[in-house]
Amino acid sequence: MSDLYQVTETISVFKAVLWIFYPMAALVLIELLLRTNDDDDDDFQGGKGIRVAQMQPAYAPSGA
């Protein structure tokens, strides 16, 4: 039991709290790196939508 006490005395509270956040920071970094390569823009006009047919305006009665 004295060995456990020695180990807990050598590790600071700040270092113990950082060990909680190291895995989460690694996961966030991996997510950000994987998100940078998301190139799903398959058209050649800078992401502008291309209409298939000319849309006709909808008829609305003037008394509505």
C-alpha atoms as a PDB file:
ATOM      1  CA  MET A   1       0.000   0.000   0.000  1.00  0.00           C
ATOM      2  CA  SER A   2       2.899   2.339   0.581  1.00  0.00           C
ATOM      3  CA  ASP A   3       3.930   1.898  -3.078  1.00  0.00           C
ATOM      4  CA  LEU A   4       0.549   3.218  -4.201  1.00  0.00           C
ATOM      5  CA  TYR A   5       0.927   6.187  -1.906  1.00  0.00           C
ATOM      6  CA  GLN A   6       4.367   6.967  -3.365  1.00  0.00           C
ATOM      7  CA  VAL A   7       3.032   6.824  -6.904  1.00  0.00           C
ATOM      8  CA  THR A   8       0.132   9.122  -6.116  1.00  0.00           C
ATOM      9  CA  GLU A   9       2.481  11.615  -4.536  1.00  0.00           C
ATOM     10  CA  THR A  10       4.727  11.773  -7.613  1.00  0.00           C
ATOM     11  CA  ILE A  11       1.894  12.499 -10.087  1.00  0.00           C
ATOM     12  CA  SER A  12       0.460  15.994  -9.857  1.00  0.00           C
ATOM     13  CA  VAL A  13      -3.248  16.694 -10.097  1.00  0.00           C
ATOM     14  CA  PHE A  14      -2.663  18.799 -13.215  1.00  0.00           C
ATOM     15  CA  LYS A  15      -0.961  15.890 -14.972  1.00  0.00           C
ATOM     16  CA  ALA A  16      -3.765  13.522 -13.970  1.00  0.00           C
ATOM     17  CA  VAL A  17      -6.389  15.884 -15.414  1.00  0.00           C
ATOM     18  CA  LEU A  18      -4.401  16.218 -18.632  1.00  0.00           C
ATOM     19  CA  TRP A  19      -4.388  12.437 -19.044  1.00  0.00           C
ATOM     20  CA  ILE A  20      -8.178  12.585 -19.161  1.00  0.00           C
ATOM     21  CA  PHE A  21      -8.117  15.032 -22.083  1.00  0.00           C
ATOM     22  CA  TYR A  22      -5.297  13.446 -24.150  1.00  0.00           C
ATOM     23  CA  PRO A  23      -7.495  10.718 -25.742  1.00  0.00           C
ATOM     24  CA  MET A  24     -10.309  13.181 -26.449  1.00  0.00           C
ATOM     25  CA  ALA A  25      -7.901  15.647 -28.056  1.00  0.00           C
ATOM     26  CA  ALA A  26      -6.493  12.846 -30.218  1.00  0.00           C
ATOM     27  CA  LEU A  27      -9.987  11.879 -31.389  1.00  0.00           C
ATOM     28  CA  VAL A  28     -10.848  15.501 -32.213  1.00  0.00           C
ATOM     29  CA  LEU A  29      -7.595  15.868 -34.151  1.00  0.00           C
ATOM     30  CA  ILE A  30      -8.293  12.697 -36.146  1.00  0.00           C
ATOM     31  CA  GLU A  31     -11.823  13.938 -36.903  1.00  0.00           C
ATOM     32  CA  LEU A  32     -10.525  17.298 -38.117  1.00  0.00           C
ATOM     33  CA  LEU A  33      -7.901  15.657 -40.307  1.00  0.00           C
ATOM     34  CA  LEU A  34     -10.437  13.300 -41.861  1.00  0.00           C
ATOM     35  CA  ARG A  35     -12.923  16.121 -42.439  1.00  0.00           C
ATOM     36  CA  THR A  36     -10.437  18.200 -44.497  1.00  0.00           C
ATOM     37  CA  ASN A  37     -10.504  15.675 -47.354  1.00  0.00           C
ATOM     38  CA  ASP A  38     -14.298  15.795 -47.815  1.00  0.00           C
ATOM     39  CA  ASP A  39     -14.490  16.753 -51.488  1.00  0.00           C
ATOM     40  CA  ASP A  40     -17.979  15.864 -52.658  1.00  0.00           C
ATOM     41  CA  ASP A  41     -18.282  18.759 -55.084  1.00  0.00           C
ATOM     42  CA  ASP A  42     -18.713  16.901 -58.361  1.00  0.00           C
ATOM     43  CA  ASP A  43     -19.686  19.792 -60.602  1.00  0.00           C
ATOM     44  CA  PHE A  44     -17.393  22.239 -62.331  1.00  0.00           C
ATOM     45  CA  GLN A  45     -19.147  25.505 -61.503  1.00  0.00           C
ATOM     46  CA  GLY A  46     -18.040  26.071 -57.948  1.00  0.00           C
ATOM     47  CA  GLY A  47     -20.906  24.280 -56.232  1.00  0.00           C
ATOM     48  CA  LYS A  48     -23.718  26.176 -57.938  1.00  0.00           C
ATOM     49  CA  GLY A  49     -26.901  24.216 -58.478  1.00  0.00           C
ATOM     50  CA  ILE A  50     -27.923  23.440 -62.056  1.00  0.00           C
ATOM     51  CA  ARG A  51     -31.636  23.222 -62.719  1.00  0.00           C
ATOM     52  CA  VAL A  52     -32.871  20.376 -64.837  1.00  0.00           C
ATOM     53  CA  ALA A  53     -35.996  22.200 -66.004  1.00  0.00           C
ATOM     54  CA  GLN A  54     -37.050  25.832 -65.910  1.00  0.00           C
ATOM     55  CA  MET A  55     -39.297  26.264 -62.893  1.00  0.00           C
ATOM     56  CA  GLN A  56     -42.696  27.836 -63.605  1.00  0.00           C
ATOM     57  CA  PRO A  57     -44.060  30.277 -61.035  1.00  0.00           C
ATOM     58  CA  ALA A  58     -46.893  28.881 -58.958  1.00  0.00           C
ATOM     59  CA  TYR A  59     -50.335  30.419 -59.516  1.00  0.00           C
ATOM     60  CA  ALA A  60     -51.788  32.138 -56.448  1.00  0.00           C
ATOM     61  CA  PRO A  61     -55.205  33.835 -56.654  1.00  0.00           C
ATOM     62  CA  SER A  62     -55.133  37.520 -55.758  1.00  0.00           C
ATOM     63  CA  GLY A  63     -57.989  37.218 -53.271  1.00  0.00           C
ATOM     64  CA  ALA A  64     -56.195  34.694 -51.069  1.00  0.00           C
END
